[in-house]
N, C-alpha and C. Protein backbone atom coordinates (compact mmCIF):
# COMPACT_ATOMS: atom_id res chain seq x y z
N UNK A 1 71.02 112.11 120.87
CA UNK A 1 71.60 110.90 121.49
C UNK A 1 72.93 110.54 120.88
N UNK A 2 73.16 110.94 119.63
CA UNK A 2 74.40 110.54 118.94
C UNK A 2 75.58 111.47 119.26
N UNK A 3 75.30 112.56 120.00
CA UNK A 3 76.33 113.57 120.22
C UNK A 3 77.57 113.04 120.89
N UNK A 4 77.48 112.23 122.00
CA UNK A 4 78.71 111.70 122.62
C UNK A 4 79.58 110.92 121.63
N UNK A 5 78.95 110.12 120.75
CA UNK A 5 79.71 109.37 119.76
C UNK A 5 80.38 110.30 118.77
N UNK A 6 79.65 111.37 118.37
CA UNK A 6 80.23 112.34 117.43
C UNK A 6 81.43 113.03 118.08
N UNK A 7 81.27 113.39 119.37
CA UNK A 7 82.39 114.08 120.08
C UNK A 7 83.59 113.16 120.16
N UNK A 8 83.35 111.89 120.43
CA UNK A 8 84.46 110.90 120.51
C UNK A 8 85.17 110.77 119.17
N UNK A 9 84.39 110.75 118.08
CA UNK A 9 84.95 110.64 116.75
C UNK A 9 85.83 111.88 116.44
N UNK A 10 85.31 113.05 116.77
CA UNK A 10 86.10 114.28 116.56
C UNK A 10 87.40 114.29 117.38
N UNK A 11 87.30 113.76 118.58
CA UNK A 11 88.51 113.68 119.45
C UNK A 11 89.54 112.72 118.90
N UNK A 12 89.05 111.55 118.44
CA UNK A 12 89.97 110.58 117.86
C UNK A 12 90.64 111.16 116.61
N UNK A 13 89.85 111.84 115.76
CA UNK A 13 90.40 112.40 114.53
C UNK A 13 91.42 113.50 114.86
N UNK A 14 91.11 114.33 115.86
CA UNK A 14 92.05 115.37 116.24
C UNK A 14 93.38 114.79 116.70
N UNK A 15 93.32 113.73 117.46
CA UNK A 15 94.54 113.07 117.91
C UNK A 15 95.35 112.50 116.74
N UNK A 16 94.62 111.93 115.77
CA UNK A 16 95.27 111.34 114.60
C UNK A 16 95.98 112.46 113.81
N UNK A 17 95.31 113.57 113.61
CA UNK A 17 95.88 114.69 112.87
C UNK A 17 97.13 115.21 113.57
N UNK A 18 97.06 115.31 114.89
CA UNK A 18 98.25 115.75 115.63
C UNK A 18 99.43 114.75 115.48
N UNK A 19 99.08 113.47 115.49
CA UNK A 19 100.10 112.44 115.32
C UNK A 19 100.76 112.51 113.93
N UNK A 20 99.94 112.76 112.93
CA UNK A 20 100.48 112.86 111.57
C UNK A 20 101.36 114.06 111.44
N UNK A 21 100.93 115.18 112.02
CA UNK A 21 101.72 116.41 111.93
C UNK A 21 103.10 116.22 112.64
N UNK A 22 103.09 115.52 113.75
CA UNK A 22 104.31 115.30 114.49
C UNK A 22 105.28 114.40 113.75
N UNK A 23 104.77 113.58 112.80
CA UNK A 23 105.61 112.70 112.02
C UNK A 23 106.06 113.29 110.70
N UNK A 24 105.63 114.53 110.42
CA UNK A 24 106.10 115.19 109.21
C UNK A 24 105.09 115.43 108.15
N UNK A 25 103.83 115.04 108.37
CA UNK A 25 102.79 115.37 107.41
C UNK A 25 102.26 116.77 107.80
N UNK A 26 102.80 117.79 107.17
CA UNK A 26 102.55 119.14 107.60
C UNK A 26 101.75 119.99 106.60
N UNK A 27 101.52 119.43 105.39
CA UNK A 27 100.73 120.17 104.40
C UNK A 27 99.29 120.33 104.88
N UNK A 28 98.86 121.57 105.05
CA UNK A 28 97.54 121.86 105.61
C UNK A 28 96.43 121.30 104.76
N UNK A 29 96.61 121.34 103.44
CA UNK A 29 95.57 120.83 102.53
C UNK A 29 95.44 119.31 102.67
N UNK A 30 96.52 118.63 102.83
CA UNK A 30 96.51 117.17 103.00
C UNK A 30 95.86 116.82 104.33
N UNK A 31 96.26 117.46 105.39
CA UNK A 31 95.69 117.19 106.69
C UNK A 31 94.19 117.48 106.70
N UNK A 32 93.76 118.52 106.01
CA UNK A 32 92.34 118.88 105.95
C UNK A 32 91.58 117.76 105.20
N UNK A 33 92.18 117.26 104.12
CA UNK A 33 91.54 116.20 103.33
C UNK A 33 91.37 114.95 104.18
N UNK A 34 92.39 114.59 104.95
CA UNK A 34 92.31 113.45 105.83
C UNK A 34 91.26 113.63 106.89
N UNK A 35 91.23 114.84 107.46
CA UNK A 35 90.26 115.15 108.54
C UNK A 35 88.81 115.02 108.04
N UNK A 36 88.60 115.36 106.75
CA UNK A 36 87.25 115.31 106.19
C UNK A 36 86.85 113.94 105.68
N UNK A 37 87.78 112.96 105.72
CA UNK A 37 87.50 111.63 105.17
C UNK A 37 87.31 110.65 106.33
N UNK A 38 86.10 110.16 106.53
CA UNK A 38 85.80 109.25 107.67
C UNK A 38 86.43 107.89 107.49
N UNK A 39 87.60 107.65 108.08
CA UNK A 39 88.30 106.39 107.87
C UNK A 39 87.48 105.17 108.36
N UNK A 40 86.61 105.41 109.37
CA UNK A 40 85.79 104.33 109.85
C UNK A 40 84.88 103.75 108.76
N UNK A 41 84.50 104.58 107.81
CA UNK A 41 83.64 104.10 106.71
C UNK A 41 84.37 103.09 105.83
N UNK A 42 85.69 103.17 105.77
CA UNK A 42 86.48 102.31 104.91
C UNK A 42 87.08 101.11 105.63
N UNK A 43 86.78 101.01 106.94
CA UNK A 43 87.35 99.98 107.78
C UNK A 43 86.34 98.83 108.01
N UNK A 44 86.75 97.60 107.86
CA UNK A 44 85.85 96.46 108.11
C UNK A 44 85.25 96.49 109.51
N UNK A 45 84.04 95.99 109.65
CA UNK A 45 83.34 96.03 110.92
C UNK A 45 84.18 95.48 112.07
N UNK A 46 84.95 94.44 111.84
CA UNK A 46 85.75 93.81 112.85
C UNK A 46 86.81 94.74 113.45
N UNK A 47 87.18 95.77 112.64
CA UNK A 47 88.27 96.65 113.09
C UNK A 47 87.78 98.13 113.26
N UNK A 48 86.49 98.34 113.31
CA UNK A 48 85.95 99.70 113.45
C UNK A 48 86.56 100.46 114.60
N UNK A 49 86.77 99.81 115.72
CA UNK A 49 87.30 100.47 116.93
C UNK A 49 88.73 100.93 116.72
N UNK A 50 89.38 100.39 115.72
CA UNK A 50 90.78 100.76 115.44
C UNK A 50 90.92 101.71 114.24
N UNK A 51 89.78 102.24 113.76
CA UNK A 51 89.80 103.04 112.56
C UNK A 51 90.70 104.30 112.66
N UNK A 52 90.86 104.80 113.88
CA UNK A 52 91.65 106.04 114.04
C UNK A 52 93.04 105.77 114.53
N UNK A 53 93.42 104.52 114.61
CA UNK A 53 94.80 104.17 114.92
C UNK A 53 95.69 104.50 113.73
N UNK A 54 96.91 104.89 114.01
CA UNK A 54 97.85 105.14 112.92
C UNK A 54 98.56 103.84 112.54
N UNK A 55 97.75 102.91 111.99
CA UNK A 55 98.26 101.60 111.60
C UNK A 55 97.47 101.10 110.41
N UNK A 56 98.13 100.22 109.65
CA UNK A 56 97.44 99.54 108.53
C UNK A 56 96.49 98.50 109.09
N UNK A 57 95.39 98.26 108.39
CA UNK A 57 94.40 97.29 108.86
C UNK A 57 94.00 96.39 107.70
N UNK A 58 93.66 95.11 107.99
CA UNK A 58 93.24 94.19 106.93
C UNK A 58 91.89 94.55 106.35
N UNK A 59 91.76 94.32 105.04
CA UNK A 59 90.45 94.44 104.38
C UNK A 59 90.25 93.17 103.57
N UNK A 60 89.22 93.09 102.78
CA UNK A 60 88.95 91.88 101.99
C UNK A 60 90.04 91.61 100.99
N UNK A 61 89.99 90.38 100.45
CA UNK A 61 90.88 89.94 99.36
C UNK A 61 92.37 89.94 99.71
N UNK A 62 92.65 89.84 101.01
CA UNK A 62 94.03 89.78 101.46
C UNK A 62 94.79 91.10 101.34
N UNK A 63 94.07 92.22 101.21
CA UNK A 63 94.67 93.51 101.04
C UNK A 63 94.58 94.31 102.38
N UNK A 64 95.08 95.54 102.36
CA UNK A 64 95.07 96.36 103.59
C UNK A 64 94.60 97.77 103.25
N UNK A 65 94.08 98.46 104.29
CA UNK A 65 93.89 99.87 104.22
C UNK A 65 95.13 100.51 104.85
N UNK A 66 95.83 101.36 104.15
CA UNK A 66 97.11 101.84 104.52
C UNK A 66 97.09 102.63 105.84
N UNK A 67 98.21 102.65 106.51
CA UNK A 67 98.42 103.43 107.70
C UNK A 67 98.18 104.93 107.36
N UNK A 68 97.42 105.65 108.18
CA UNK A 68 97.17 107.09 107.88
C UNK A 68 98.43 107.91 107.64
N UNK A 69 99.49 107.60 108.38
CA UNK A 69 100.75 108.32 108.15
C UNK A 69 101.26 108.12 106.71
N UNK A 70 101.17 106.89 106.22
CA UNK A 70 101.61 106.61 104.84
C UNK A 70 100.72 107.27 103.85
N UNK A 71 99.40 107.27 104.11
CA UNK A 71 98.46 107.98 103.21
C UNK A 71 98.80 109.44 103.17
N UNK A 72 99.04 110.04 104.35
CA UNK A 72 99.36 111.46 104.39
C UNK A 72 100.69 111.76 103.74
N UNK A 73 101.68 110.95 103.97
CA UNK A 73 102.99 111.20 103.44
C UNK A 73 102.99 111.08 101.93
N UNK A 74 102.37 110.01 101.41
CA UNK A 74 102.35 109.79 99.96
C UNK A 74 101.54 110.90 99.25
N UNK A 75 100.46 111.29 99.89
CA UNK A 75 99.62 112.38 99.31
C UNK A 75 100.43 113.69 99.30
N UNK A 76 101.10 113.97 100.39
CA UNK A 76 101.94 115.18 100.47
C UNK A 76 103.04 115.13 99.43
N UNK A 77 103.67 113.98 99.27
CA UNK A 77 104.77 113.82 98.31
C UNK A 77 104.33 114.01 96.89
N UNK A 78 103.03 113.70 96.60
CA UNK A 78 102.53 113.77 95.25
C UNK A 78 102.29 115.23 94.82
N UNK A 79 102.15 116.15 95.79
CA UNK A 79 101.99 117.57 95.49
C UNK A 79 100.81 117.85 94.59
N UNK A 80 99.65 117.34 94.99
CA UNK A 80 98.42 117.48 94.18
C UNK A 80 97.93 118.89 94.16
N UNK A 81 97.58 119.37 92.95
CA UNK A 81 96.99 120.68 92.79
C UNK A 81 95.49 120.51 92.42
N UNK A 82 94.72 121.56 92.64
CA UNK A 82 93.27 121.43 92.51
C UNK A 82 92.82 121.22 91.05
N UNK A 83 93.66 121.49 90.07
CA UNK A 83 93.28 121.23 88.66
C UNK A 83 93.83 119.93 88.15
N UNK A 84 94.51 119.16 88.99
CA UNK A 84 95.18 117.92 88.54
C UNK A 84 94.22 116.78 88.24
N UNK A 85 94.63 115.98 87.23
CA UNK A 85 94.01 114.69 86.96
C UNK A 85 94.98 113.64 87.48
N UNK A 86 94.53 112.86 88.46
CA UNK A 86 95.40 111.93 89.16
C UNK A 86 95.04 110.49 88.82
N UNK A 87 96.01 109.67 88.54
CA UNK A 87 95.82 108.23 88.35
C UNK A 87 96.26 107.49 89.59
N UNK A 88 95.35 106.67 90.11
CA UNK A 88 95.69 105.88 91.33
C UNK A 88 95.66 104.39 90.95
N UNK A 89 96.73 103.69 91.25
CA UNK A 89 96.83 102.27 90.98
C UNK A 89 96.59 101.51 92.27
N UNK A 90 95.45 100.81 92.36
CA UNK A 90 95.12 100.06 93.58
C UNK A 90 94.10 100.79 94.42
N UNK A 91 92.83 100.66 94.06
CA UNK A 91 91.76 101.37 94.80
C UNK A 91 91.65 100.83 96.24
N UNK A 92 91.72 99.54 96.42
CA UNK A 92 91.59 98.96 97.77
C UNK A 92 90.25 99.32 98.39
N UNK A 93 90.29 99.79 99.60
CA UNK A 93 89.06 100.19 100.31
C UNK A 93 88.49 101.47 99.72
N UNK A 94 89.31 102.24 99.04
CA UNK A 94 88.89 103.56 98.52
C UNK A 94 89.27 104.71 99.43
N UNK A 95 89.94 104.43 100.55
CA UNK A 95 90.27 105.49 101.51
C UNK A 95 91.27 106.49 100.89
N UNK A 96 92.36 106.00 100.35
CA UNK A 96 93.32 106.88 99.69
C UNK A 96 92.70 107.63 98.55
N UNK A 97 91.85 106.96 97.78
CA UNK A 97 91.13 107.59 96.66
C UNK A 97 90.34 108.78 97.15
N UNK A 98 89.58 108.55 98.23
CA UNK A 98 88.71 109.61 98.81
C UNK A 98 89.56 110.84 99.23
N UNK A 99 90.72 110.57 99.85
CA UNK A 99 91.58 111.68 100.27
C UNK A 99 92.05 112.44 99.04
N UNK A 100 92.48 111.74 98.02
CA UNK A 100 92.93 112.40 96.79
C UNK A 100 91.84 113.19 96.12
N UNK A 101 90.61 112.67 96.18
CA UNK A 101 89.48 113.32 95.50
C UNK A 101 89.18 114.70 96.09
N UNK A 102 89.58 114.92 97.31
CA UNK A 102 89.34 116.23 97.97
C UNK A 102 90.40 117.26 97.60
N UNK A 103 91.42 116.80 96.89
CA UNK A 103 92.51 117.70 96.47
C UNK A 103 92.62 117.91 94.99
N UNK A 104 92.17 116.94 94.18
CA UNK A 104 92.34 116.94 92.75
C UNK A 104 91.04 117.28 92.02
N UNK A 105 91.18 117.61 90.73
CA UNK A 105 89.98 117.79 89.90
C UNK A 105 89.32 116.46 89.60
N UNK A 106 90.12 115.49 89.20
CA UNK A 106 89.59 114.17 88.88
C UNK A 106 90.58 113.10 89.35
N UNK A 107 90.04 111.99 89.87
CA UNK A 107 90.86 110.84 90.25
C UNK A 107 90.39 109.63 89.47
N UNK A 108 91.31 109.06 88.71
CA UNK A 108 91.06 107.80 87.93
C UNK A 108 91.72 106.70 88.73
N UNK A 109 90.91 105.74 89.19
CA UNK A 109 91.44 104.71 90.06
C UNK A 109 91.17 103.30 89.49
N UNK A 110 92.17 102.43 89.55
CA UNK A 110 92.05 101.07 88.98
C UNK A 110 92.26 100.05 90.08
N UNK A 111 91.41 99.00 90.06
CA UNK A 111 91.48 97.92 91.07
C UNK A 111 91.34 96.59 90.37
N UNK A 112 92.14 95.58 90.78
CA UNK A 112 92.11 94.26 90.16
C UNK A 112 91.16 93.31 90.85
N UNK A 113 90.61 93.66 92.00
CA UNK A 113 89.64 92.84 92.69
C UNK A 113 88.26 93.47 92.54
N UNK A 114 87.34 92.74 91.87
CA UNK A 114 86.02 93.28 91.62
C UNK A 114 85.25 93.58 92.92
N UNK A 115 85.42 92.71 93.91
CA UNK A 115 84.73 92.91 95.17
C UNK A 115 85.15 94.22 95.85
N UNK A 116 86.46 94.48 95.86
CA UNK A 116 86.94 95.74 96.44
C UNK A 116 86.44 96.93 95.68
N UNK A 117 86.43 96.82 94.33
CA UNK A 117 85.98 97.94 93.51
C UNK A 117 84.50 98.30 93.80
N UNK A 118 83.65 97.25 93.85
CA UNK A 118 82.23 97.51 94.12
C UNK A 118 82.00 98.14 95.46
N UNK A 119 82.72 97.65 96.46
CA UNK A 119 82.57 98.18 97.82
C UNK A 119 83.04 99.65 97.87
N UNK A 120 84.17 99.92 97.18
CA UNK A 120 84.69 101.28 97.16
C UNK A 120 83.73 102.21 96.43
N UNK A 121 83.16 101.76 95.34
CA UNK A 121 82.21 102.59 94.59
C UNK A 121 81.01 102.94 95.46
N UNK A 122 80.57 102.02 96.27
CA UNK A 122 79.45 102.30 97.16
C UNK A 122 79.81 103.38 98.20
N UNK A 123 81.02 103.32 98.68
CA UNK A 123 81.47 104.33 99.62
C UNK A 123 81.61 105.70 98.97
N UNK A 124 82.11 105.75 97.77
CA UNK A 124 82.23 107.03 97.01
C UNK A 124 80.86 107.66 96.83
N UNK A 125 79.86 106.81 96.52
CA UNK A 125 78.52 107.30 96.32
C UNK A 125 77.95 107.83 97.61
N UNK A 126 78.18 107.12 98.70
CA UNK A 126 77.69 107.55 100.01
C UNK A 126 78.27 108.89 100.41
N UNK A 127 79.52 109.13 100.06
CA UNK A 127 80.20 110.37 100.42
C UNK A 127 79.95 111.49 99.38
N UNK A 128 79.26 111.14 98.31
CA UNK A 128 78.97 112.15 97.29
C UNK A 128 80.21 112.60 96.48
N UNK A 129 81.16 111.66 96.32
CA UNK A 129 82.37 111.99 95.56
C UNK A 129 82.10 111.81 94.08
N UNK A 130 81.91 112.85 93.37
CA UNK A 130 81.52 112.79 91.97
C UNK A 130 82.69 112.94 91.00
N UNK A 131 83.89 113.14 91.56
CA UNK A 131 85.06 113.33 90.68
C UNK A 131 86.01 112.12 90.71
N UNK A 132 85.47 110.94 91.06
CA UNK A 132 86.23 109.69 91.03
C UNK A 132 85.71 108.81 89.90
N UNK A 133 86.62 108.37 89.02
CA UNK A 133 86.29 107.49 87.90
C UNK A 133 86.98 106.14 88.16
N UNK A 134 86.20 105.08 88.23
CA UNK A 134 86.76 103.78 88.59
C UNK A 134 86.89 102.86 87.38
N UNK A 135 87.80 101.90 87.55
CA UNK A 135 87.99 100.89 86.49
C UNK A 135 88.46 99.58 87.11
N UNK A 136 87.83 98.49 86.73
CA UNK A 136 88.28 97.16 87.12
C UNK A 136 89.25 96.69 86.04
N UNK A 137 90.51 96.49 86.46
CA UNK A 137 91.52 96.10 85.50
C UNK A 137 92.91 95.92 86.09
N UNK A 138 93.88 95.79 85.21
CA UNK A 138 95.27 95.58 85.57
C UNK A 138 95.93 96.91 85.74
N UNK A 139 96.19 97.28 87.00
CA UNK A 139 96.73 98.60 87.30
C UNK A 139 98.10 98.84 86.73
N UNK A 140 98.90 97.79 86.63
CA UNK A 140 100.25 97.95 86.12
C UNK A 140 100.31 98.50 84.72
N UNK A 141 99.23 98.35 83.99
CA UNK A 141 99.17 98.85 82.60
C UNK A 141 98.67 100.29 82.56
N UNK A 142 98.23 100.80 83.69
CA UNK A 142 97.74 102.16 83.72
C UNK A 142 96.41 102.33 82.98
N UNK A 143 96.18 103.53 82.47
CA UNK A 143 94.95 103.85 81.81
C UNK A 143 95.25 104.76 80.62
N UNK A 144 95.85 104.15 79.60
CA UNK A 144 96.40 104.88 78.49
C UNK A 144 95.37 105.78 77.80
N UNK A 145 94.09 105.30 77.74
CA UNK A 145 93.04 106.05 77.07
C UNK A 145 92.75 107.40 77.75
N UNK A 146 93.10 107.55 79.00
CA UNK A 146 92.86 108.78 79.73
C UNK A 146 94.14 109.58 79.95
N UNK A 147 95.30 109.07 79.51
CA UNK A 147 96.56 109.77 79.68
C UNK A 147 96.64 110.96 78.73
N UNK A 148 97.50 111.97 79.02
CA UNK A 148 98.44 112.00 80.12
C UNK A 148 97.85 112.52 81.43
N UNK A 149 98.42 112.04 82.52
CA UNK A 149 97.99 112.48 83.85
C UNK A 149 98.98 113.43 84.46
N UNK A 150 98.49 114.28 85.37
CA UNK A 150 99.39 115.22 86.06
C UNK A 150 100.17 114.47 87.14
N UNK A 151 99.48 113.56 87.83
CA UNK A 151 100.09 112.84 88.94
C UNK A 151 99.66 111.38 88.87
N UNK A 152 100.47 110.51 89.48
CA UNK A 152 100.13 109.09 89.61
C UNK A 152 100.60 108.59 90.98
N UNK A 153 99.72 107.84 91.67
CA UNK A 153 100.07 107.19 92.90
C UNK A 153 99.84 105.72 92.80
N UNK A 154 100.85 104.96 93.22
CA UNK A 154 100.73 103.50 93.19
C UNK A 154 100.70 102.98 94.62
N UNK A 155 99.64 102.25 94.99
CA UNK A 155 99.48 101.82 96.36
C UNK A 155 99.74 100.33 96.57
N UNK A 156 100.59 99.77 95.66
CA UNK A 156 101.11 98.41 95.81
C UNK A 156 102.57 98.45 95.30
N UNK A 157 103.37 97.52 95.80
CA UNK A 157 104.82 97.58 95.51
C UNK A 157 105.12 97.05 94.09
N UNK A 158 105.64 97.99 93.27
CA UNK A 158 106.12 97.56 91.93
C UNK A 158 107.49 96.93 92.08
N UNK A 159 107.72 95.81 91.37
CA UNK A 159 109.03 95.13 91.50
C UNK A 159 110.21 95.91 90.96
N UNK A 160 109.94 96.80 89.99
CA UNK A 160 110.99 97.61 89.42
C UNK A 160 110.41 98.97 88.96
N UNK A 161 111.14 99.69 88.20
CA UNK A 161 110.69 101.01 87.76
C UNK A 161 109.38 100.85 86.99
N UNK A 162 108.34 101.65 87.33
CA UNK A 162 107.03 101.52 86.70
C UNK A 162 107.02 102.22 85.35
N UNK A 163 107.71 101.68 84.41
CA UNK A 163 107.94 102.36 83.11
C UNK A 163 106.64 102.70 82.39
N UNK A 164 105.69 101.76 82.34
CA UNK A 164 104.45 102.00 81.62
C UNK A 164 103.65 103.16 82.24
N UNK A 165 103.71 103.26 83.56
CA UNK A 165 102.97 104.32 84.23
C UNK A 165 103.69 105.68 84.03
N UNK A 166 104.98 105.67 84.05
CA UNK A 166 105.74 106.89 83.81
C UNK A 166 105.45 107.45 82.41
N UNK A 167 105.24 106.57 81.44
CA UNK A 167 104.93 106.99 80.07
C UNK A 167 103.59 107.75 80.01
N UNK A 168 102.75 107.49 80.99
CA UNK A 168 101.36 108.07 80.94
C UNK A 168 101.28 109.40 81.73
N UNK A 169 102.46 109.90 82.17
CA UNK A 169 102.49 111.20 82.86
C UNK A 169 102.76 112.34 81.88
N UNK A 170 102.35 113.53 82.26
CA UNK A 170 102.74 114.71 81.53
C UNK A 170 104.25 114.93 81.72
N UNK A 171 104.90 115.72 80.86
CA UNK A 171 106.36 115.89 80.93
C UNK A 171 106.86 116.34 82.29
N UNK A 172 106.06 117.10 83.02
CA UNK A 172 106.49 117.53 84.37
C UNK A 172 105.66 116.86 85.45
N UNK A 173 105.09 115.71 85.15
CA UNK A 173 104.23 114.99 86.09
C UNK A 173 105.02 114.38 87.23
N UNK A 174 104.28 113.92 88.24
CA UNK A 174 104.87 113.29 89.44
C UNK A 174 104.26 111.94 89.67
N UNK A 175 105.08 110.95 89.98
CA UNK A 175 104.61 109.60 90.34
C UNK A 175 105.24 109.22 91.69
N UNK A 176 104.43 108.73 92.59
CA UNK A 176 104.91 108.23 93.88
C UNK A 176 104.52 106.77 93.98
N UNK A 177 105.51 105.91 94.29
CA UNK A 177 105.23 104.47 94.38
C UNK A 177 106.25 103.76 95.25
N UNK A 178 105.80 102.68 95.93
CA UNK A 178 106.75 101.81 96.61
C UNK A 178 107.42 100.92 95.57
N UNK A 179 108.75 100.83 95.62
CA UNK A 179 109.49 100.06 94.64
C UNK A 179 110.35 98.99 95.34
N UNK A 180 110.19 97.73 94.89
CA UNK A 180 111.01 96.65 95.47
C UNK A 180 110.26 95.34 95.51
N UNK A 181 111.00 94.24 95.56
CA UNK A 181 110.40 92.91 95.53
C UNK A 181 110.30 92.30 96.90
N UNK A 182 111.06 92.74 97.89
CA UNK A 182 111.11 92.13 99.20
C UNK A 182 110.00 92.61 100.09
N UNK A 183 110.00 92.17 101.36
CA UNK A 183 108.95 92.60 102.31
C UNK A 183 109.01 94.07 102.67
N UNK A 184 110.22 94.68 102.50
CA UNK A 184 110.41 96.11 102.72
C UNK A 184 110.80 96.76 101.39
N UNK A 185 110.06 97.80 101.02
CA UNK A 185 110.33 98.49 99.75
C UNK A 185 110.75 99.93 100.01
N UNK A 186 111.16 100.61 98.94
CA UNK A 186 111.51 102.03 99.02
C UNK A 186 110.42 102.88 98.42
N UNK A 187 109.89 103.83 99.18
CA UNK A 187 108.92 104.75 98.61
C UNK A 187 109.69 105.78 97.79
N UNK A 188 109.36 105.84 96.51
CA UNK A 188 110.15 106.64 95.59
C UNK A 188 109.25 107.66 94.84
N UNK A 189 109.83 108.84 94.63
CA UNK A 189 109.10 109.88 93.88
C UNK A 189 109.84 110.18 92.59
N UNK A 190 109.12 110.11 91.48
CA UNK A 190 109.64 110.45 90.14
C UNK A 190 109.00 111.80 89.75
N UNK A 191 109.83 112.77 89.40
CA UNK A 191 109.37 114.07 88.97
C UNK A 191 109.85 114.36 87.56
N UNK A 192 108.95 114.54 86.62
CA UNK A 192 109.35 114.78 85.25
C UNK A 192 110.13 116.07 85.10
N UNK A 193 111.22 115.99 84.28
CA UNK A 193 112.06 117.18 84.08
C UNK A 193 111.63 118.02 82.88
N UNK A 194 110.52 117.62 82.25
CA UNK A 194 110.02 118.36 81.10
C UNK A 194 110.64 118.00 79.78
N UNK A 195 111.65 117.13 79.80
CA UNK A 195 112.39 116.75 78.61
C UNK A 195 112.42 115.26 78.39
N UNK A 196 111.48 114.55 79.05
CA UNK A 196 111.42 113.08 78.90
C UNK A 196 112.15 112.27 79.98
N UNK A 197 112.84 112.96 80.87
CA UNK A 197 113.52 112.29 81.94
C UNK A 197 112.85 112.53 83.29
N UNK A 198 113.38 111.91 84.32
CA UNK A 198 112.78 112.03 85.64
C UNK A 198 113.87 112.22 86.71
N UNK A 199 113.59 113.13 87.64
CA UNK A 199 114.38 113.24 88.83
C UNK A 199 113.81 112.26 89.84
N UNK A 200 114.63 111.46 90.44
CA UNK A 200 114.19 110.36 91.33
C UNK A 200 114.67 110.61 92.77
N UNK A 201 113.73 110.50 93.71
CA UNK A 201 114.04 110.68 95.12
C UNK A 201 113.53 109.48 95.92
N UNK A 202 114.37 108.97 96.78
CA UNK A 202 113.97 107.92 97.72
C UNK A 202 113.49 108.58 99.02
N UNK A 203 112.28 108.29 99.44
CA UNK A 203 111.69 108.98 100.59
C UNK A 203 111.84 108.24 101.91
N UNK A 204 111.47 106.95 101.94
CA UNK A 204 111.64 106.16 103.15
C UNK A 204 111.30 104.71 102.84
N UNK A 205 111.59 103.82 103.80
CA UNK A 205 111.26 102.39 103.66
C UNK A 205 109.79 102.17 104.04
N UNK A 206 109.09 101.33 103.26
CA UNK A 206 107.67 101.07 103.50
C UNK A 206 107.40 99.57 103.31
N UNK A 207 106.19 99.19 103.69
CA UNK A 207 105.73 97.80 103.47
C UNK A 207 104.37 97.81 102.78
N UNK A 208 104.30 97.32 101.56
CA UNK A 208 103.09 97.26 100.78
C UNK A 208 102.90 95.83 100.23
N UNK A 209 101.67 95.52 99.94
CA UNK A 209 101.38 94.26 99.21
C UNK A 209 101.95 94.44 97.77
N UNK A 210 102.30 93.37 97.11
CA UNK A 210 102.90 93.47 95.78
C UNK A 210 101.90 93.90 94.70
N UNK A 211 102.37 94.58 93.71
CA UNK A 211 101.59 94.91 92.54
C UNK A 211 101.58 93.74 91.60
N UNK A 212 100.41 93.12 91.42
CA UNK A 212 100.31 91.90 90.65
C UNK A 212 99.78 92.16 89.22
N UNK A 213 100.17 91.32 88.29
CA UNK A 213 99.72 91.43 86.92
C UNK A 213 98.27 90.94 86.78
N UNK A 214 97.57 91.47 85.79
CA UNK A 214 96.23 90.98 85.50
C UNK A 214 95.17 91.38 86.51
N UNK A 215 94.03 90.69 86.43
CA UNK A 215 92.93 90.92 87.38
C UNK A 215 92.67 89.60 88.13
N UNK A 216 92.07 89.72 89.27
CA UNK A 216 91.78 88.53 90.07
C UNK A 216 90.62 87.74 89.42
N UNK A 217 90.79 86.42 89.34
CA UNK A 217 89.78 85.57 88.66
C UNK A 217 88.51 85.44 89.47
N UNK A 218 88.68 85.50 90.77
CA UNK A 218 87.49 85.44 91.65
C UNK A 218 87.50 86.66 92.55
N UNK A 219 86.52 86.82 93.39
CA UNK A 219 86.36 87.96 94.29
C UNK A 219 86.04 89.20 93.52
């Protein structure tokens, strides 16, 4: 009885993958990870019918689940390898985390909203993702006890250069983050030069919620 719904889901996902490829997300490993991650599981009930749209959607605590194109582009830009330990700042719904978990050895993810963290942990368990380590805390401070990391992704807009997070990368590590204080930010990639410096590339303009200090007192 569920077959028509399954067929529809596969069709929607196929269309989404084609749309991402046409926009420049061409890394086969990234596209495969997105295809294997059921976005509808991370989407609030009110927006389930829009789960396969290439658009950002609201979630709890005033946050959003990122547009699939942005998820694909940021993941591709991070150049994740299968042995990498990845730090993610801003767990949110857990969708980006789940995509990263299919590419990396370990994903360490930090969220400042306890409600979002608990919901995301439940989804990780449901999907059997055993290589995700979660933490409720201030993402801007990173996770020094687990550093150095091979890669770092920030899913909220940092007002300036994320110095503390860059310190927690390996000498040739990569960090991808939206940078800027206004409603439109610059998606930037930092690549370690092996000597303590970073090559910096501006990728495109994006819109993210701001990276806030501390943890949320409620929620």
